[in-house]
Amino acid sequence: MAPRRSACGNAASGFTLLELAIALAITAILAAMAVPTFSSLVARQRLHAVVEHLRADIALARQEAGRRAQPVHLVFQPGSRWCYAIGTRPVGDCLLATATPGSGLIKVVRGSDQPGVQLLLATPMTLDGRTGGSLRAGGLARFASAEGQQLQVRLSALGHASVCAPSAAVAGTPPCPVTFTVTGL
């Protein structure tokens, strides 16, 4: 059986140049709309990674406090060149800290390894070597992404860390509980 031919004699196949140009234009528009969404997703993922890393480091500090049977300190330096150090003694400047024998330094984390994330504020944390609980009330560290999203790591009195969103909602993270103080009774 012979192949069928169209009325013009040849079967047309493929795209015209105009159809190809329209398809490329639509693809470029969709890609341009996706780039801001993707960069926001990357910023949020970096922020989540930093707070989860700190939460794991708090668990490490708690474990080290129990293993060494002495308090372990987390000291923070907020700002754009942020850092924190974990040690058996409070570290003065974690940007300059290096682990040497007898220094008591367990670990140092620097913000330069976490691009696009800033440590806005933090309070020192100390974990008890006997109970694993916090020896300081209200330990926290608040981080912000380049997109302005904020997450906070809070240390409970029992020495457990939790993550919450202090202001606007951040996908996948519960809001921080609101605390009220009663004055003038």
C-alpha atoms as a PDB file:
ATOM      1  CA  MET A   1       0.000   0.000   0.000  1.00  0.00           C
ATOM      2  CA  ALA A   2       1.413   3.406  -0.953  1.00  0.00           C
ATOM      3  CA  PRO A   3       1.723   6.292   1.597  1.00  0.00           C
ATOM      4  CA  ARG A   4      -0.987   8.930   1.390  1.00  0.00           C
ATOM      5  CA  ARG A   5      -0.114  12.406   0.256  1.00  0.00           C
ATOM      6  CA  SER A   6      -1.803  15.679   1.098  1.00  0.00           C
ATOM      7  CA  ALA A   7      -3.686  17.725  -1.495  1.00  0.00           C
ATOM      8  CA  CYS A   8      -0.565  19.882  -2.066  1.00  0.00           C
ATOM      9  CA  GLY A   9       1.582  16.900  -2.749  1.00  0.00           C
ATOM     10  CA  ASN A  10       3.963  17.003   0.298  1.00  0.00           C
ATOM     11  CA  ALA A  11       3.196  16.362   3.964  1.00  0.00           C
ATOM     12  CA  ALA A  12       4.263  19.260   6.251  1.00  0.00           C
ATOM     13  CA  SER A  13       6.221  18.403   9.391  1.00  0.00           C
ATOM     14  CA  GLY A  14       7.985  20.378  12.152  1.00  0.00           C
ATOM     15  CA  PHE A  15       7.497  23.939  13.368  1.00  0.00           C
ATOM     16  CA  THR A  16       7.597  27.213  11.496  1.00  0.00           C
ATOM     17  CA  LEU A  17      10.037  29.875  12.606  1.00  0.00           C
ATOM     18  CA  LEU A  18       7.172  31.962  13.990  1.00  0.00           C
ATOM     19  CA  GLU A  19       5.833  29.039  16.087  1.00  0.00           C
ATOM     20  CA  LEU A  20       9.321  28.392  17.458  1.00  0.00           C
ATOM     21  CA  ALA A  21       9.794  32.069  18.369  1.00  0.00           C
ATOM     22  CA  ILE A  22       6.460  32.128  20.218  1.00  0.00           C
ATOM     23  CA  ALA A  23       7.308  28.947  22.130  1.00  0.00           C
ATOM     24  CA  LEU A  24      10.707  30.390  23.162  1.00  0.00           C
ATOM     25  CA  ALA A  25       9.090  33.661  24.274  1.00  0.00           C
ATOM     26  CA  ILE A  26       6.573  31.815  26.452  1.00  0.00           C
ATOM     27  CA  THR A  27       9.352  29.696  27.947  1.00  0.00           C
ATOM     28  CA  ALA A  28      11.429  32.818  28.719  1.00  0.00           C
ATOM     29  CA  ILE A  29       8.455  34.507  30.435  1.00  0.00           C
ATOM     30  CA  LEU A  30       7.765  31.433  32.578  1.00  0.00           C
ATOM     31  CA  ALA A  31      11.446  31.146  33.516  1.00  0.00           C
ATOM     32  CA  ALA A  32      11.585  34.836  34.496  1.00  0.00           C
ATOM     33  CA  MET A  33       8.579  34.338  36.762  1.00  0.00           C
ATOM     34  CA  ALA A  34      10.160  31.268  38.398  1.00  0.00           C
ATOM     35  CA  VAL A  35      13.549  32.864  39.267  1.00  0.00           C
ATOM     36  CA  PRO A  36      12.306  35.031  42.201  1.00  0.00           C
ATOM     37  CA  THR A  37      10.375  32.086  43.605  1.00  0.00           C
ATOM     38  CA  PHE A  38      13.442  29.865  43.328  1.00  0.00           C
ATOM     39  CA  SER A  39      15.759  32.409  44.998  1.00  0.00           C
ATOM     40  CA  SER A  40      13.245  32.801  47.849  1.00  0.00           C
ATOM     41  CA  LEU A  41      13.149  29.015  48.223  1.00  0.00           C
ATOM     42  CA  VAL A  42      16.965  28.826  48.346  1.00  0.00           C
ATOM     43  CA  ALA A  43      17.121  31.609  50.975  1.00  0.00           C
ATOM     44  CA  ARG A  44      14.493  29.862  53.107  1.00  0.00           C
ATOM     45  CA  GLN A  45      16.314  26.514  52.818  1.00  0.00           C
ATOM     46  CA  ARG A  46      19.616  28.113  53.894  1.00  0.00           C
ATOM     47  CA  LEU A  47      17.899  29.680  56.891  1.00  0.00           C
ATOM     48  CA  HIS A  48      16.306  26.358  57.854  1.00  0.00           C
ATOM     49  CA  ALA A  49      19.668  24.613  57.468  1.00  0.00           C
ATOM     50  CA  VAL A  50      21.398  27.085  59.812  1.00  0.00           C
ATOM     51  CA  VAL A  51      18.796  26.800  62.584  1.00  0.00           C
ATOM     52  CA  GLU A  52      18.682  23.007  62.318  1.00  0.00           C
ATOM     53  CA  HIS A  53      22.479  22.953  62.485  1.00  0.00           C
ATOM     54  CA  LEU A  54      22.379  25.044  65.671  1.00  0.00           C
ATOM     55  CA  ARG A  55      19.679  22.808  67.133  1.00  0.00           C
ATOM     56  CA  ALA A  56      21.905  19.780  66.478  1.00  0.00           C
ATOM     57  CA  ASP A  57      24.879  21.617  68.003  1.00  0.00           C
ATOM     58  CA  ILE A  58      22.863  22.328  71.158  1.00  0.00           C
ATOM     59  CA  ALA A  59      22.144  18.599  71.403  1.00  0.00           C
ATOM     60  CA  LEU A  60      25.897  17.976  70.929  1.00  0.00           C
ATOM     61  CA  ALA A  61      26.697  20.473  73.698  1.00  0.00           C
ATOM     62  CA  ARG A  62      24.208  18.762  76.002  1.00  0.00           C
ATOM     63  CA  GLN A  63      25.780  15.383  75.267  1.00  0.00           C
ATOM     64  CA  GLU A  64      29.303  16.749  75.805  1.00  0.00           C
ATOM     65  CA  ALA A  65      28.247  18.335  79.112  1.00  0.00           C
ATOM     66  CA  GLY A  66      27.030  14.965  80.354  1.00  0.00           C
ATOM     67  CA  ARG A  67      30.031  13.089  79.017  1.00  0.00           C
ATOM     68  CA  ARG A  68      32.517  15.520  80.564  1.00  0.00           C
ATOM     69  CA  ALA A  69      30.427  16.061  83.745  1.00  0.00           C
ATOM     70  CA  GLN A  70      30.940  19.819  83.528  1.00  0.00           C
ATOM     71  CA  PRO A  71      29.020  22.767  82.051  1.00  0.00           C
ATOM     72  CA  VAL A  72      29.316  23.446  78.321  1.00  0.00           C
ATOM     73  CA  HIS A  73      28.874  26.989  77.002  1.00  0.00           C
ATOM     74  CA  LEU A  74      27.557  28.303  73.691  1.00  0.00           C
ATOM     75  CA  VAL A  75      28.771  31.825  73.008  1.00  0.00           C
ATOM     76  CA  PHE A  76      27.468  33.880  70.078  1.00  0.00           C
ATOM     77  CA  GLN A  77      28.698  36.890  68.158  1.00  0.00           C
ATOM     78  CA  PRO A  78      25.757  38.428  66.210  1.00  0.00           C
ATOM     79  CA  GLY A  79      26.004  40.536  63.066  1.00  0.00           C
ATOM     80  CA  SER A  80      26.836  40.013  59.435  1.00  0.00           C
ATOM     81  CA  ARG A  81      30.134  38.278  60.382  1.00  0.00           C
ATOM     82  CA  TRP A  82      28.470  36.076  62.962  1.00  0.00           C
ATOM     83  CA  CYS A  83      29.760  32.980  64.681  1.00  0.00           C
ATOM     84  CA  TYR A  84      29.193  30.784  67.679  1.00  0.00           C
ATOM     85  CA  ALA A  85      31.483  28.570  69.717  1.00  0.00           C
ATOM     86  CA  ILE A  86      30.859  25.566  71.927  1.00  0.00           C
ATOM     87  CA  GLY A  87      33.304  24.928  74.737  1.00  0.00           C
ATOM     88  CA  THR A  88      33.845  24.014  78.355  1.00  0.00           C
ATOM     89  CA  ARG A  89      34.804  27.653  78.953  1.00  0.00           C
ATOM     90  CA  PRO A  90      33.148  30.740  77.464  1.00  0.00           C
ATOM     91  CA  VAL A  91      35.031  31.830  74.346  1.00  0.00           C
ATOM     92  CA  GLY A  92      35.863  35.526  74.020  1.00  0.00           C
ATOM     93  CA  ASP A  93      35.800  36.001  70.233  1.00  0.00           C
ATOM     94  CA  CYS A  94      34.587  33.008  68.264  1.00  0.00           C
ATOM     95  CA  LEU A  95      35.922  34.472  64.993  1.00  0.00           C
ATOM     96  CA  LEU A  96      39.456  34.093  66.340  1.00  0.00           C
ATOM     97  CA  ALA A  97      38.912  30.880  68.305  1.00  0.00           C
ATOM     98  CA  THR A  98      40.888  27.808  67.353  1.00  0.00           C
ATOM     99  CA  ALA A  99      40.865  24.406  68.980  1.00  0.00           C
ATOM    100  CA  THR A 100      44.134  23.815  70.756  1.00  0.00           C
ATOM    101  CA  PRO A 101      44.899  21.245  73.444  1.00  0.00           C
ATOM    102  CA  GLY A 102      43.593  22.507  76.765  1.00  0.00           C
ATOM    103  CA  SER A 103      41.503  25.307  75.249  1.00  0.00           C
ATOM    104  CA  GLY A 104      38.238  23.553  76.066  1.00  0.00           C
ATOM    105  CA  LEU A 105      36.908  24.459  72.630  1.00  0.00           C
ATOM    106  CA  ILE A 106      34.634  21.794  71.159  1.00  0.00           C
ATOM    107  CA  LYS A 107      33.361  23.442  67.977  1.00  0.00           C
ATOM    108  CA  VAL A 108      33.198  26.779  66.144  1.00  0.00           C
ATOM    109  CA  VAL A 109      30.657  27.684  63.458  1.00  0.00           C
ATOM    110  CA  ARG A 110      31.190  30.796  61.337  1.00  0.00           C
ATOM    111  CA  GLY A 111      28.592  32.686  59.327  1.00  0.00           C
ATOM    112  CA  SER A 112      30.976  32.965  56.389  1.00  0.00           C
ATOM    113  CA  ASP A 113      30.189  29.287  55.765  1.00  0.00           C
ATOM    114  CA  GLN A 114      26.461  30.123  55.597  1.00  0.00           C
ATOM    115  CA  PRO A 115      26.025  32.795  52.874  1.00  0.00           C
ATOM    116  CA  GLY A 116      22.893  34.909  52.980  1.00  0.00           C
ATOM    117  CA  VAL A 117      22.091  34.227  56.654  1.00  0.00           C
ATOM    118  CA  GLN A 118      22.641  36.741  59.430  1.00  0.00           C
ATOM    119  CA  LEU A 119      22.538  36.283  63.213  1.00  0.00           C
ATOM    120  CA  LEU A 120      20.368  39.148  64.476  1.00  0.00           C
ATOM    121  CA  LEU A 121      20.533  38.547  68.212  1.00  0.00           C
ATOM    122  CA  ALA A 122      21.542  35.820  70.615  1.00  0.00           C
ATOM    123  CA  THR A 123      22.011  35.164  74.296  1.00  0.00           C
ATOM    124  CA  PRO A 124      24.708  32.887  75.716  1.00  0.00           C
ATOM    125  CA  MET A 125      23.647  29.368  76.625  1.00  0.00           C
ATOM    126  CA  THR A 126      25.113  27.052  79.264  1.00  0.00           C
ATOM    127  CA  LEU A 127      24.186  23.395  79.654  1.00  0.00           C
ATOM    128  CA  ASP A 128      24.634  21.680  83.002  1.00  0.00           C
ATOM    129  CA  GLY A 129      26.968  18.689  83.096  1.00  0.00           C
ATOM    130  CA  ARG A 130      24.876  16.898  85.710  1.00  0.00           C
ATOM    131  CA  THR A 131      21.284  17.355  84.494  1.00  0.00           C
ATOM    132  CA  GLY A 132      21.733  18.461  80.857  1.00  0.00           C
ATOM    133  CA  GLY A 133      19.409  21.367  81.585  1.00  0.00           C
ATOM    134  CA  SER A 134      19.978  25.020  80.851  1.00  0.00           C
ATOM    135  CA  LEU A 135      21.821  26.983  83.534  1.00  0.00           C
ATOM    136  CA  ARG A 136      20.679  30.298  82.013  1.00  0.00           C
ATOM    137  CA  ALA A 137      17.075  31.313  81.488  1.00  0.00           C
ATOM    138  CA  GLY A 138      15.794  32.295  78.067  1.00  0.00           C
ATOM    139  CA  GLY A 139      18.566  31.146  75.755  1.00  0.00           C
ATOM    140  CA  LEU A 140      17.843  32.039  72.137  1.00  0.00           C
ATOM    141  CA  ALA A 141      19.399  32.818  68.779  1.00  0.00           C
ATOM    142  CA  ARG A 142      17.490  34.633  66.008  1.00  0.00           C
ATOM    143  CA  PHE A 143      18.604  34.325  62.387  1.00  0.00           C
ATOM    144  CA  ALA A 144      17.397  36.146  59.247  1.00  0.00           C
ATOM    145  CA  SER A 145      17.652  35.239  55.584  1.00  0.00           C
ATOM    146  CA  ALA A 146      18.581  37.643  52.808  1.00  0.00           C
ATOM    147  CA  GLU A 147      14.845  37.694  51.971  1.00  0.00           C
ATOM    148  CA  GLY A 148      14.007  38.973  55.479  1.00  0.00           C
ATOM    149  CA  GLN A 149      12.526  35.755  56.866  1.00  0.00           C
ATOM    150  CA  GLN A 150      13.418  35.071  60.499  1.00  0.00           C
ATOM    151  CA  LEU A 151      13.722  31.895  62.543  1.00  0.00           C
ATOM    152  CA  GLN A 152      14.607  31.551  66.195  1.00  0.00           C
ATOM    153  CA  VAL A 153      16.190  28.708  68.147  1.00  0.00           C
ATOM    154  CA  ARG A 154      15.039  28.654  71.763  1.00  0.00           C
ATOM    155  CA  LEU A 155      16.616  26.673  74.590  1.00  0.00           C
ATOM    156  CA  SER A 156      14.224  25.281  77.204  1.00  0.00           C
ATOM    157  CA  ALA A 157      15.030  24.957  80.889  1.00  0.00           C
ATOM    158  CA  LEU A 158      15.452  21.204  80.317  1.00  0.00           C
ATOM    159  CA  GLY A 159      18.164  21.795  77.701  1.00  0.00           C
ATOM    160  CA  HIS A 160      16.112  21.011  74.591  1.00  0.00           C
ATOM    161  CA  ALA A 161      16.152  23.313  71.564  1.00  0.00           C
ATOM    162  CA  SER A 162      13.130  24.234  69.474  1.00  0.00           C
ATOM    163  CA  VAL A 163      12.717  26.313  66.316  1.00  0.00           C
ATOM    164  CA  CYS A 164       9.976  28.876  65.738  1.00  0.00           C
ATOM    165  CA  ALA A 165       9.188  31.901  63.551  1.00  0.00           C
ATOM    166  CA  PRO A 166       9.255  35.083  65.701  1.00  0.00           C
ATOM    167  CA  SER A 167       7.361  37.431  63.398  1.00  0.00           C
ATOM    168  CA  ALA A 168       5.918  36.606  59.966  1.00  0.00           C
ATOM    169  CA  ALA A 169       5.134  33.012  59.117  1.00  0.00           C
ATOM    170  CA  VAL A 170       7.884  30.918  57.560  1.00  0.00           C
ATOM    171  CA  ALA A 171       6.700  27.847  55.683  1.00  0.00           C
ATOM    172  CA  GLY A 172       7.075  24.659  57.700  1.00  0.00           C
ATOM    173  CA  THR A 173       7.845  26.409  61.013  1.00  0.00           C
ATOM    174  CA  PRO A 174       5.410  27.124  63.853  1.00  0.00           C
ATOM    175  CA  PRO A 175       5.155  30.692  65.170  1.00  0.00           C
ATOM    176  CA  CYS A 176       6.959  31.519  68.404  1.00  0.00           C
ATOM    177  CA  PRO A 177       4.693  31.574  71.454  1.00  0.00           C
ATOM    178  CA  VAL A 178       3.742  35.018  72.662  1.00  0.00           C
ATOM    179  CA  THR A 179       4.783  35.749  76.212  1.00  0.00           C
ATOM    180  CA  PHE A 180       2.857  38.246  78.324  1.00  0.00           C
ATOM    181  CA  THR A 181       4.044  40.066  81.402  1.00  0.00           C
ATOM    182  CA  VAL A 182       1.599  41.464  83.916  1.00  0.00           C
ATOM    183  CA  THR A 183       2.590  44.753  85.515  1.00  0.00           C
ATOM    184  CA  GLY A 184       0.922  47.205  87.851  1.00  0.00           C
ATOM    185  CA  LEU A 185      -1.305  44.810  89.815  1.00  0.00           C
END
